Amino acid sequence: MTKQSAAGDDNAEPSSDSNEETLTLEEQLNAALVERDQFKDKWARALADLDNYRRRVQREMEEDRKYAAMPMLKSLLPAFDGFDRALQAAAISKNTDELIKGIQLTVKQLETALNGFGAKSIPAVGLPFDPNMHEAISQMPSAEHPPMTVLHDVERGYMLHDRVVRPSKVIVAKAE
């Protein structure tokens, strides 16, 4: 029976070595669970930070779009002030020459402001008609100019950098 009891003892009573091993496995499991919880917490914080970042960037983009015209507005305001001064001076003096000079100066201010933002007027008069830059609204017989030459710029066109914002509305020459 001693042989059987010895064999039965292995199954019935764990040895001190297996107790230490079991404790070590339990400790390892507990350490892994703690580490898992730490990683889960870091992950949740990272998700929250990312969400906050996205909201902040979205809010900043909306604000940038909302106030994008501010620099242009600031550069155009002096031109509008010039129009006001020209009108006031003309009303007081009743002199159209002063009004014309005031308006010419104001138009130059506007052109300078637009140029500062990369906008420029499209040259037209005396040049060959270009359908990419000009919109013909009429034709006029002309002996001095070859056909399809721009004779008159009815409404000035503008470009922003390399794109046409508005084509020039022009009158072109046609053969007599």
N, C-alpha and C. Protein backbone atom coordinates (compact mmCIF):
# COMPACT_ATOMS: atom_id res chain seq x y z
N MET A 1 0.80 -1.18 0.00
CA MET A 1 0.00 0.00 0.00
C MET A 1 0.85 1.25 0.00
N THR A 2 2.02 1.08 0.36
CA THR A 2 2.89 2.23 0.38
C THR A 2 3.14 2.76 -1.02
N LYS A 3 3.20 1.82 -1.97
CA LYS A 3 3.39 2.27 -3.35
C LYS A 3 2.15 2.99 -3.84
N GLN A 4 0.99 2.46 -3.47
CA GLN A 4 -0.23 3.11 -3.91
C GLN A 4 -0.42 4.44 -3.21
N SER A 5 -0.12 4.48 -1.93
CA SER A 5 -0.32 5.72 -1.20
C SER A 5 0.67 6.77 -1.73
N ALA A 6 1.85 6.34 -2.11
CA ALA A 6 2.80 7.29 -2.65
C ALA A 6 2.29 7.84 -3.98
N ALA A 7 1.72 6.95 -4.78
CA ALA A 7 1.16 7.41 -6.06
C ALA A 7 -0.06 8.26 -5.81
N GLY A 8 -0.87 7.89 -4.84
CA GLY A 8 -2.07 8.65 -4.51
C GLY A 8 -1.72 9.97 -3.89
N ASP A 9 -0.59 10.05 -3.18
CA ASP A 9 -0.19 11.29 -2.53
C ASP A 9 0.12 12.37 -3.56
N ASP A 10 0.67 11.98 -4.70
CA ASP A 10 0.96 12.98 -5.74
C ASP A 10 -0.32 13.67 -6.18
N ASN A 11 -1.40 12.88 -6.30
CA ASN A 11 -2.65 13.46 -6.77
C ASN A 11 -3.40 14.18 -5.66
N ALA A 12 -3.27 13.66 -4.42
CA ALA A 12 -4.05 14.21 -3.33
C ALA A 12 -3.42 15.47 -2.76
N GLU A 13 -2.12 15.51 -2.62
CA GLU A 13 -1.45 16.61 -1.95
C GLU A 13 -0.38 17.19 -2.86
N PRO A 14 -0.51 18.44 -3.21
CA PRO A 14 0.56 19.02 -4.02
C PRO A 14 1.81 19.24 -3.18
N SER A 15 2.93 19.14 -3.82
CA SER A 15 4.19 19.34 -3.13
C SER A 15 4.45 20.82 -2.92
N SER A 16 5.41 21.17 -2.13
CA SER A 16 5.72 22.56 -1.85
C SER A 16 6.23 23.27 -3.11
N ASP A 17 6.88 22.57 -4.02
CA ASP A 17 7.36 23.15 -5.27
C ASP A 17 6.20 23.61 -6.14
N SER A 18 5.14 22.79 -6.23
CA SER A 18 4.00 23.17 -7.06
C SER A 18 3.22 24.31 -6.42
N ASN A 19 3.19 24.45 -5.10
CA ASN A 19 2.56 25.59 -4.44
C ASN A 19 3.26 26.88 -4.83
N GLU A 20 4.58 26.86 -4.81
CA GLU A 20 5.35 28.04 -5.20
C GLU A 20 5.10 28.38 -6.66
N GLU A 21 5.04 27.34 -7.49
CA GLU A 21 4.79 27.54 -8.91
C GLU A 21 3.40 28.11 -9.13
N THR A 22 2.39 27.60 -8.41
CA THR A 22 1.02 28.07 -8.52
C THR A 22 0.93 29.52 -8.06
N LEU A 23 1.58 29.85 -6.98
CA LEU A 23 1.58 31.24 -6.51
C LEU A 23 2.24 32.15 -7.54
N THR A 24 3.28 31.72 -8.13
CA THR A 24 3.95 32.50 -9.13
C THR A 24 3.04 32.71 -10.34
N LEU A 25 2.33 31.69 -10.74
CA LEU A 25 1.38 31.84 -11.86
C LEU A 25 0.26 32.80 -11.49
N GLU A 26 -0.23 32.71 -10.26
CA GLU A 26 -1.28 33.63 -9.82
C GLU A 26 -0.75 35.07 -9.79
N GLU A 27 0.46 35.22 -9.31
CA GLU A 27 1.07 36.55 -9.29
C GLU A 27 1.24 37.08 -10.71
N GLN A 28 1.67 36.21 -11.59
CA GLN A 28 1.85 36.60 -12.98
C GLN A 28 0.51 37.00 -13.60
N LEU A 29 -0.52 36.25 -13.30
CA LEU A 29 -1.85 36.56 -13.81
C LEU A 29 -2.31 37.92 -13.27
N ASN A 30 -2.14 38.13 -11.98
CA ASN A 30 -2.54 39.40 -11.38
C ASN A 30 -1.74 40.56 -11.99
N ALA A 31 -0.45 40.37 -12.19
CA ALA A 31 0.39 41.40 -12.80
C ALA A 31 -0.08 41.69 -14.23
N ALA A 32 -0.42 40.64 -14.97
CA ALA A 32 -0.91 40.81 -16.34
C ALA A 32 -2.24 41.54 -16.36
N LEU A 33 -3.10 41.22 -15.40
CA LEU A 33 -4.40 41.91 -15.32
C LEU A 33 -4.22 43.39 -14.98
N VAL A 34 -3.31 43.69 -14.08
CA VAL A 34 -3.02 45.09 -13.73
C VAL A 34 -2.47 45.83 -14.95
N GLU A 35 -1.54 45.16 -15.63
CA GLU A 35 -0.96 45.77 -16.83
C GLU A 35 -2.03 46.00 -17.91
N ARG A 36 -2.92 45.01 -18.07
CA ARG A 36 -4.02 45.15 -19.02
C ARG A 36 -4.87 46.36 -18.68
N ASP A 37 -5.20 46.52 -17.41
CA ASP A 37 -6.02 47.65 -16.98
C ASP A 37 -5.32 48.98 -17.23
N GLN A 38 -3.99 49.00 -17.02
CA GLN A 38 -3.24 50.23 -17.29
C GLN A 38 -3.27 50.56 -18.79
N PHE A 39 -3.06 49.55 -19.63
CA PHE A 39 -3.10 49.79 -21.07
C PHE A 39 -4.49 50.21 -21.53
N LYS A 40 -5.51 49.62 -20.93
CA LYS A 40 -6.89 49.98 -21.28
C LYS A 40 -7.16 51.43 -20.90
N ASP A 41 -6.67 51.85 -19.75
CA ASP A 41 -6.84 53.24 -19.31
C ASP A 41 -6.10 54.19 -20.25
N LYS A 42 -4.86 53.83 -20.60
CA LYS A 42 -4.09 54.67 -21.53
C LYS A 42 -4.78 54.75 -22.89
N TRP A 43 -5.32 53.66 -23.34
CA TRP A 43 -6.03 53.62 -24.62
C TRP A 43 -7.26 54.53 -24.58
N ALA A 44 -8.02 54.45 -23.49
CA ALA A 44 -9.22 55.29 -23.35
C ALA A 44 -8.82 56.77 -23.32
N ARG A 45 -7.74 57.09 -22.62
CA ARG A 45 -7.27 58.49 -22.57
C ARG A 45 -6.81 58.96 -23.95
N ALA A 46 -6.12 58.09 -24.66
CA ALA A 46 -5.66 58.45 -26.01
C ALA A 46 -6.83 58.69 -26.94
N LEU A 47 -7.86 57.87 -26.84
CA LEU A 47 -9.06 58.08 -27.66
C LEU A 47 -9.72 59.41 -27.31
N ALA A 48 -9.81 59.71 -26.02
CA ALA A 48 -10.41 60.98 -25.59
C ALA A 48 -9.57 62.16 -26.08
N ASP A 49 -8.24 62.05 -26.00
CA ASP A 49 -7.36 63.11 -26.49
C ASP A 49 -7.53 63.31 -27.99
N LEU A 50 -7.62 62.22 -28.73
CA LEU A 50 -7.81 62.30 -30.17
C LEU A 50 -9.14 62.96 -30.51
N ASP A 51 -10.18 62.59 -29.80
CA ASP A 51 -11.49 63.18 -30.02
C ASP A 51 -11.46 64.68 -29.72
N ASN A 52 -10.82 65.07 -28.64
CA ASN A 52 -10.70 66.49 -28.30
C ASN A 52 -9.88 67.23 -29.35
N TYR A 53 -8.83 66.61 -29.84
CA TYR A 53 -8.01 67.21 -30.88
C TYR A 53 -8.82 67.45 -32.16
N ARG A 54 -9.57 66.43 -32.55
CA ARG A 54 -10.42 66.57 -33.75
C ARG A 54 -11.42 67.70 -33.60
N ARG A 55 -12.06 67.79 -32.43
CA ARG A 55 -13.03 68.87 -32.19
C ARG A 55 -12.36 70.24 -32.24
N ARG A 56 -11.17 70.33 -31.63
CA ARG A 56 -10.46 71.60 -31.61
C ARG A 56 -10.06 72.02 -33.04
N VAL A 57 -9.53 71.09 -33.82
CA VAL A 57 -9.13 71.39 -35.19
C VAL A 57 -10.35 71.79 -36.03
N GLN A 58 -11.46 71.09 -35.86
CA GLN A 58 -12.69 71.43 -36.58
C GLN A 58 -13.15 72.84 -36.22
N ARG A 59 -13.12 73.17 -34.95
CA ARG A 59 -13.53 74.50 -34.49
C ARG A 59 -12.60 75.57 -35.06
N GLU A 60 -11.28 75.31 -35.07
CA GLU A 60 -10.33 76.27 -35.61
C GLU A 60 -10.52 76.45 -37.11
N MET A 61 -10.80 75.36 -37.82
CA MET A 61 -11.03 75.46 -39.27
C MET A 61 -12.27 76.27 -39.57
N GLU A 62 -13.33 76.06 -38.79
CA GLU A 62 -14.56 76.83 -38.99
C GLU A 62 -14.31 78.31 -38.72
N GLU A 63 -13.53 78.60 -37.70
CA GLU A 63 -13.22 79.99 -37.37
C GLU A 63 -12.36 80.61 -38.46
N ASP A 64 -11.38 79.85 -38.97
CA ASP A 64 -10.55 80.36 -40.06
C ASP A 64 -11.39 80.68 -41.30
N ARG A 65 -12.32 79.78 -41.64
CA ARG A 65 -13.20 80.03 -42.79
C ARG A 65 -14.08 81.24 -42.54
N LYS A 66 -14.57 81.37 -41.35
CA LYS A 66 -15.49 82.46 -41.01
C LYS A 66 -14.81 83.82 -41.17
N TYR A 67 -13.53 83.89 -40.77
CA TYR A 67 -12.84 85.17 -40.79
C TYR A 67 -11.77 85.26 -41.88
N ALA A 68 -11.84 84.41 -42.88
CA ALA A 68 -10.82 84.39 -43.94
C ALA A 68 -10.78 85.69 -44.73
N ALA A 69 -11.89 86.37 -44.84
CA ALA A 69 -11.96 87.60 -45.63
C ALA A 69 -11.48 88.83 -44.86
N MET A 70 -11.14 88.66 -43.60
CA MET A 70 -10.74 89.81 -42.77
C MET A 70 -9.58 90.61 -43.37
N PRO A 71 -8.48 89.98 -43.80
CA PRO A 71 -7.39 90.78 -44.37
C PRO A 71 -7.82 91.55 -45.63
N MET A 72 -8.64 90.90 -46.47
CA MET A 72 -9.09 91.58 -47.67
C MET A 72 -9.98 92.76 -47.30
N LEU A 73 -10.87 92.56 -46.36
CA LEU A 73 -11.75 93.64 -45.93
C LEU A 73 -10.94 94.81 -45.40
N LYS A 74 -9.94 94.53 -44.59
CA LYS A 74 -9.10 95.60 -44.05
C LYS A 74 -8.38 96.38 -45.15
N SER A 75 -7.97 95.69 -46.21
CA SER A 75 -7.26 96.38 -47.28
C SER A 75 -8.22 97.14 -48.20
N LEU A 76 -9.50 96.76 -48.24
CA LEU A 76 -10.46 97.46 -49.09
C LEU A 76 -11.10 98.67 -48.40
N LEU A 77 -11.13 98.68 -47.09
CA LEU A 77 -11.78 99.77 -46.37
C LEU A 77 -11.22 101.16 -46.70
N PRO A 78 -9.91 101.32 -46.83
CA PRO A 78 -9.42 102.66 -47.21
C PRO A 78 -9.96 103.13 -48.56
N ALA A 79 -10.17 102.22 -49.48
CA ALA A 79 -10.72 102.61 -50.78
C ALA A 79 -12.16 103.11 -50.62
N PHE A 80 -12.94 102.44 -49.79
CA PHE A 80 -14.30 102.91 -49.55
C PHE A 80 -14.29 104.27 -48.85
N ASP A 81 -13.33 104.47 -47.95
CA ASP A 81 -13.18 105.78 -47.31
C ASP A 81 -12.86 106.83 -48.36
N GLY A 82 -12.04 106.48 -49.33
CA GLY A 82 -11.71 107.39 -50.43
C GLY A 82 -12.94 107.76 -51.25
N PHE A 83 -13.80 106.79 -51.52
CA PHE A 83 -15.05 107.09 -52.22
C PHE A 83 -15.89 108.08 -51.42
N ASP A 84 -15.99 107.85 -50.13
CA ASP A 84 -16.76 108.77 -49.28
C ASP A 84 -16.19 110.18 -49.33
N ARG A 85 -14.86 110.30 -49.21
CA ARG A 85 -14.23 111.63 -49.26
C ARG A 85 -14.44 112.30 -50.62
N ALA A 86 -14.33 111.53 -51.70
CA ALA A 86 -14.52 112.09 -53.04
C ALA A 86 -15.95 112.59 -53.21
N LEU A 87 -16.91 111.83 -52.74
CA LEU A 87 -18.31 112.26 -52.84
C LEU A 87 -18.58 113.50 -52.00
N GLN A 88 -18.02 113.55 -50.79
CA GLN A 88 -18.21 114.72 -49.93
C GLN A 88 -17.57 115.96 -50.54
N ALA A 89 -16.39 115.83 -51.09
CA ALA A 89 -15.70 116.96 -51.71
C ALA A 89 -16.46 117.44 -52.93
N ALA A 90 -16.99 116.53 -53.72
CA ALA A 90 -17.74 116.92 -54.92
C ALA A 90 -19.05 117.61 -54.54
N ALA A 91 -19.68 117.14 -53.47
CA ALA A 91 -20.94 117.76 -53.04
C ALA A 91 -20.71 119.19 -52.54
N ILE A 92 -19.60 119.42 -51.89
CA ILE A 92 -19.31 120.75 -51.36
C ILE A 92 -18.87 121.69 -52.46
N SER A 93 -17.95 121.26 -53.31
CA SER A 93 -17.38 122.15 -54.32
C SER A 93 -18.15 122.17 -55.63
N LYS A 94 -18.98 121.17 -55.85
CA LYS A 94 -19.71 121.03 -57.12
C LYS A 94 -18.77 121.00 -58.32
N ASN A 95 -17.54 120.57 -58.09
CA ASN A 95 -16.53 120.51 -59.14
C ASN A 95 -16.36 119.04 -59.54
N THR A 96 -16.70 118.72 -60.76
CA THR A 96 -16.60 117.33 -61.22
C THR A 96 -15.16 116.89 -61.40
N ASP A 97 -14.25 117.85 -61.66
CA ASP A 97 -12.83 117.48 -61.81
C ASP A 97 -12.29 116.88 -60.52
N GLU A 98 -12.66 117.45 -59.38
CA GLU A 98 -12.23 116.91 -58.09
C GLU A 98 -12.83 115.53 -57.84
N LEU A 99 -14.08 115.36 -58.24
CA LEU A 99 -14.73 114.05 -58.08
C LEU A 99 -14.00 113.00 -58.92
N ILE A 100 -13.68 113.35 -60.14
CA ILE A 100 -12.98 112.41 -61.03
C ILE A 100 -11.62 112.05 -60.45
N LYS A 101 -10.87 113.03 -59.95
CA LYS A 101 -9.56 112.76 -59.36
C LYS A 101 -9.69 111.86 -58.14
N GLY A 102 -10.69 112.13 -57.31
CA GLY A 102 -10.91 111.32 -56.11
C GLY A 102 -11.26 109.88 -56.46
N ILE A 103 -12.10 109.71 -57.45
CA ILE A 103 -12.49 108.36 -57.85
C ILE A 103 -11.30 107.64 -58.49
N GLN A 104 -10.49 108.32 -59.28
CA GLN A 104 -9.31 107.70 -59.87
C GLN A 104 -8.34 107.23 -58.79
N LEU A 105 -8.13 108.04 -57.77
CA LEU A 105 -7.25 107.64 -56.67
C LEU A 105 -7.82 106.43 -55.94
N THR A 106 -9.13 106.42 -55.77
CA THR A 106 -9.76 105.30 -55.06
C THR A 106 -9.68 104.02 -55.88
N VAL A 107 -9.85 104.11 -57.17
CA VAL A 107 -9.72 102.93 -58.03
C VAL A 107 -8.29 102.39 -57.96
N LYS A 108 -7.31 103.28 -57.91
CA LYS A 108 -5.91 102.83 -57.76
C LYS A 108 -5.71 102.12 -56.42
N GLN A 109 -6.35 102.63 -55.36
CA GLN A 109 -6.27 101.97 -54.06
C GLN A 109 -6.88 100.57 -54.12
N LEU A 110 -8.02 100.46 -54.79
CA LEU A 110 -8.66 99.15 -54.93
C LEU A 110 -7.79 98.18 -55.71
N GLU A 111 -7.20 98.65 -56.80
CA GLU A 111 -6.32 97.79 -57.60
C GLU A 111 -5.12 97.33 -56.78
N THR A 112 -4.55 98.24 -55.99
CA THR A 112 -3.42 97.88 -55.14
C THR A 112 -3.83 96.83 -54.12
N ALA A 113 -5.01 97.01 -53.52
CA ALA A 113 -5.49 96.04 -52.54
C ALA A 113 -5.70 94.68 -53.19
N LEU A 114 -6.32 94.64 -54.36
CA LEU A 114 -6.54 93.37 -55.05
C LEU A 114 -5.23 92.71 -55.45
N ASN A 115 -4.28 93.52 -55.92
CA ASN A 115 -2.97 92.98 -56.30
C ASN A 115 -2.27 92.35 -55.10
N GLY A 116 -2.49 92.93 -53.92
CA GLY A 116 -1.89 92.38 -52.71
C GLY A 116 -2.39 90.98 -52.39
N PHE A 117 -3.54 90.60 -52.89
CA PHE A 117 -4.10 89.27 -52.67
C PHE A 117 -3.90 88.35 -53.87
N GLY A 118 -3.11 88.80 -54.84
CA GLY A 118 -2.83 87.96 -56.01
C GLY A 118 -3.84 88.12 -57.13
N ALA A 119 -4.74 89.10 -57.01
CA ALA A 119 -5.73 89.34 -58.06
C ALA A 119 -5.19 90.42 -59.00
N LYS A 120 -5.45 90.25 -60.27
CA LYS A 120 -5.03 91.26 -61.23
C LYS A 120 -6.06 91.33 -62.35
N SER A 121 -6.12 92.51 -62.96
CA SER A 121 -7.08 92.67 -64.06
C SER A 121 -6.52 92.01 -65.32
N ILE A 122 -7.44 91.59 -66.16
CA ILE A 122 -7.05 90.92 -67.41
C ILE A 122 -6.94 91.98 -68.50
N PRO A 123 -5.77 92.11 -69.12
CA PRO A 123 -5.64 93.09 -70.21
C PRO A 123 -6.48 92.65 -71.41
N ALA A 124 -7.06 93.60 -72.09
CA ALA A 124 -7.93 93.22 -73.20
C ALA A 124 -7.78 94.12 -74.42
N VAL A 125 -7.90 95.42 -74.27
CA VAL A 125 -7.97 96.35 -75.41
C VAL A 125 -6.71 96.27 -76.26
N GLY A 126 -6.92 96.07 -77.55
CA GLY A 126 -5.83 96.00 -78.51
C GLY A 126 -5.22 94.61 -78.66
N LEU A 127 -5.64 93.68 -77.84
CA LEU A 127 -5.10 92.31 -77.90
C LEU A 127 -6.03 91.41 -78.70
N PRO A 128 -5.51 90.30 -79.23
CA PRO A 128 -6.39 89.34 -79.91
C PRO A 128 -7.38 88.73 -78.91
N PHE A 129 -8.57 88.45 -79.37
CA PHE A 129 -9.60 87.86 -78.53
C PHE A 129 -9.14 86.48 -78.06
N ASP A 130 -9.24 86.24 -76.76
CA ASP A 130 -8.88 84.95 -76.16
C ASP A 130 -10.10 84.45 -75.39
N PRO A 131 -10.75 83.39 -75.87
CA PRO A 131 -11.97 82.92 -75.21
C PRO A 131 -11.75 82.45 -73.77
N ASN A 132 -10.50 82.17 -73.40
CA ASN A 132 -10.20 81.78 -72.02
C ASN A 132 -10.18 82.98 -71.08
N MET A 133 -9.95 84.17 -71.65
CA MET A 133 -9.84 85.38 -70.83
C MET A 133 -10.94 86.40 -71.10
N HIS A 134 -11.53 86.32 -72.27
CA HIS A 134 -12.50 87.34 -72.69
C HIS A 134 -13.85 86.71 -73.03
N GLU A 135 -14.87 87.49 -72.82
CA GLU A 135 -16.23 87.09 -73.22
C GLU A 135 -16.74 88.16 -74.19
N ALA A 136 -16.90 87.78 -75.44
CA ALA A 136 -17.35 88.74 -76.45
C ALA A 136 -18.85 88.98 -76.28
N ILE A 137 -19.22 90.23 -76.11
CA ILE A 137 -20.64 90.55 -75.98
C ILE A 137 -21.17 91.22 -77.24
N SER A 138 -20.24 91.65 -78.11
CA SER A 138 -20.65 92.30 -79.34
C SER A 138 -19.47 92.34 -80.31
N GLN A 139 -19.80 92.55 -81.59
CA GLN A 139 -18.77 92.77 -82.61
C GLN A 139 -19.04 94.11 -83.26
N MET A 140 -17.95 94.74 -83.70
CA MET A 140 -18.07 96.05 -84.31
C MET A 140 -17.15 96.09 -85.53
N PRO A 141 -17.63 96.58 -86.65
CA PRO A 141 -16.76 96.68 -87.83
C PRO A 141 -15.61 97.66 -87.56
N SER A 142 -14.42 97.30 -88.02
CA SER A 142 -13.27 98.17 -87.81
C SER A 142 -12.30 98.02 -88.97
N ALA A 143 -11.90 99.16 -89.53
CA ALA A 143 -10.92 99.15 -90.62
C ALA A 143 -9.50 99.21 -90.07
N GLU A 144 -9.34 99.76 -88.85
CA GLU A 144 -8.00 99.93 -88.28
C GLU A 144 -7.46 98.66 -87.61
N HIS A 145 -8.33 97.77 -87.18
CA HIS A 145 -7.91 96.59 -86.42
C HIS A 145 -8.27 95.31 -87.18
N PRO A 146 -7.43 94.29 -87.07
CA PRO A 146 -7.77 93.02 -87.71
C PRO A 146 -8.97 92.38 -87.00
N PRO A 147 -9.68 91.51 -87.69
CA PRO A 147 -10.82 90.84 -87.07
C PRO A 147 -10.39 90.09 -85.80
N MET A 148 -11.30 90.01 -84.85
CA MET A 148 -11.13 89.33 -83.56
C MET A 148 -10.10 90.01 -82.65
N THR A 149 -9.93 91.32 -82.84
CA THR A 149 -9.12 92.12 -81.93
C THR A 149 -10.06 92.83 -80.98
N VAL A 150 -9.70 92.88 -79.71
CA VAL A 150 -10.55 93.53 -78.71
C VAL A 150 -10.47 95.03 -78.91
N LEU A 151 -11.64 95.65 -79.15
CA LEU A 151 -11.72 97.10 -79.37
C LEU A 151 -12.03 97.85 -78.07
N HIS A 152 -12.91 97.27 -77.28
CA HIS A 152 -13.37 97.98 -76.08
C HIS A 152 -13.60 96.97 -74.95
N ASP A 153 -13.20 97.37 -73.76
CA ASP A 153 -13.39 96.56 -72.56
C ASP A 153 -14.61 97.10 -71.82
N VAL A 154 -15.75 96.42 -71.94
CA VAL A 154 -16.99 96.88 -71.32
C VAL A 154 -16.97 96.64 -69.81
N GLU A 155 -16.51 95.49 -69.41
CA GLU A 155 -16.41 95.13 -68.00
C GLU A 155 -15.10 94.41 -67.80
N ARG A 156 -14.25 94.98 -66.96
CA ARG A 156 -12.93 94.42 -66.74
C ARG A 156 -13.00 93.05 -66.10
N GLY A 157 -12.17 92.14 -66.58
CA GLY A 157 -12.09 90.80 -66.01
C GLY A 157 -10.93 90.72 -65.03
N TYR A 158 -10.98 89.70 -64.17
CA TYR A 158 -9.95 89.55 -63.14
C TYR A 158 -9.51 88.10 -63.03
N MET A 159 -8.23 87.95 -62.65
CA MET A 159 -7.65 86.63 -62.39
C MET A 159 -7.16 86.62 -60.95
N LEU A 160 -7.25 85.45 -60.33
CA LEU A 160 -6.65 85.25 -59.02
C LEU A 160 -5.55 84.22 -59.23
N HIS A 161 -4.31 84.69 -59.11
CA HIS A 161 -3.12 83.90 -59.41
C HIS A 161 -3.21 83.41 -60.85
N ASP A 162 -3.52 82.14 -61.09
CA ASP A 162 -3.56 81.63 -62.46
C ASP A 162 -4.97 81.24 -62.90
N ARG A 163 -5.99 81.60 -62.12
CA ARG A 163 -7.37 81.25 -62.47
C ARG A 163 -8.18 82.50 -62.80
N VAL A 164 -9.02 82.36 -63.81
CA VAL A 164 -9.92 83.46 -64.18
C VAL A 164 -11.08 83.49 -63.19
N VAL A 165 -11.23 84.64 -62.52
CA VAL A 165 -12.35 84.84 -61.60
C VAL A 165 -13.56 85.26 -62.41
N ARG A 166 -13.31 86.22 -63.32
CA ARG A 166 -14.37 86.72 -64.20
C ARG A 166 -13.71 87.15 -65.50
N PRO A 167 -14.18 86.64 -66.63
CA PRO A 167 -13.58 87.06 -67.90
C PRO A 167 -13.97 88.51 -68.23
N SER A 168 -13.12 89.16 -69.01
CA SER A 168 -13.43 90.52 -69.45
C SER A 168 -14.56 90.47 -70.48
N LYS A 169 -15.54 91.32 -70.31
CA LYS A 169 -16.62 91.44 -71.31
C LYS A 169 -16.16 92.49 -72.31
N VAL A 170 -16.05 92.04 -73.57
CA VAL A 170 -15.39 92.88 -74.56
C VAL A 170 -16.21 92.99 -75.85
N ILE A 171 -15.88 94.03 -76.60
CA ILE A 171 -16.39 94.21 -77.96
C ILE A 171 -15.21 93.95 -78.90
N VAL A 172 -15.41 93.05 -79.85
CA VAL A 172 -14.31 92.67 -80.76
C VAL A 172 -14.55 93.21 -82.17
N ALA A 173 -13.46 93.35 -82.87
CA ALA A 173 -13.51 93.86 -84.25
C ALA A 173 -13.96 92.75 -85.20
N LYS A 174 -14.67 93.18 -86.22
CA LYS A 174 -15.00 92.24 -87.30
C LYS A 174 -14.70 92.94 -88.62
N ALA A 175 -14.53 92.17 -89.66
CA ALA A 175 -14.21 92.74 -90.96
C ALA A 175 -15.39 93.56 -91.45
N GLU A 176 -15.06 94.66 -92.15
CA GLU A 176 -16.13 95.53 -92.68
C GLU A 176 -16.74 94.95 -93.93
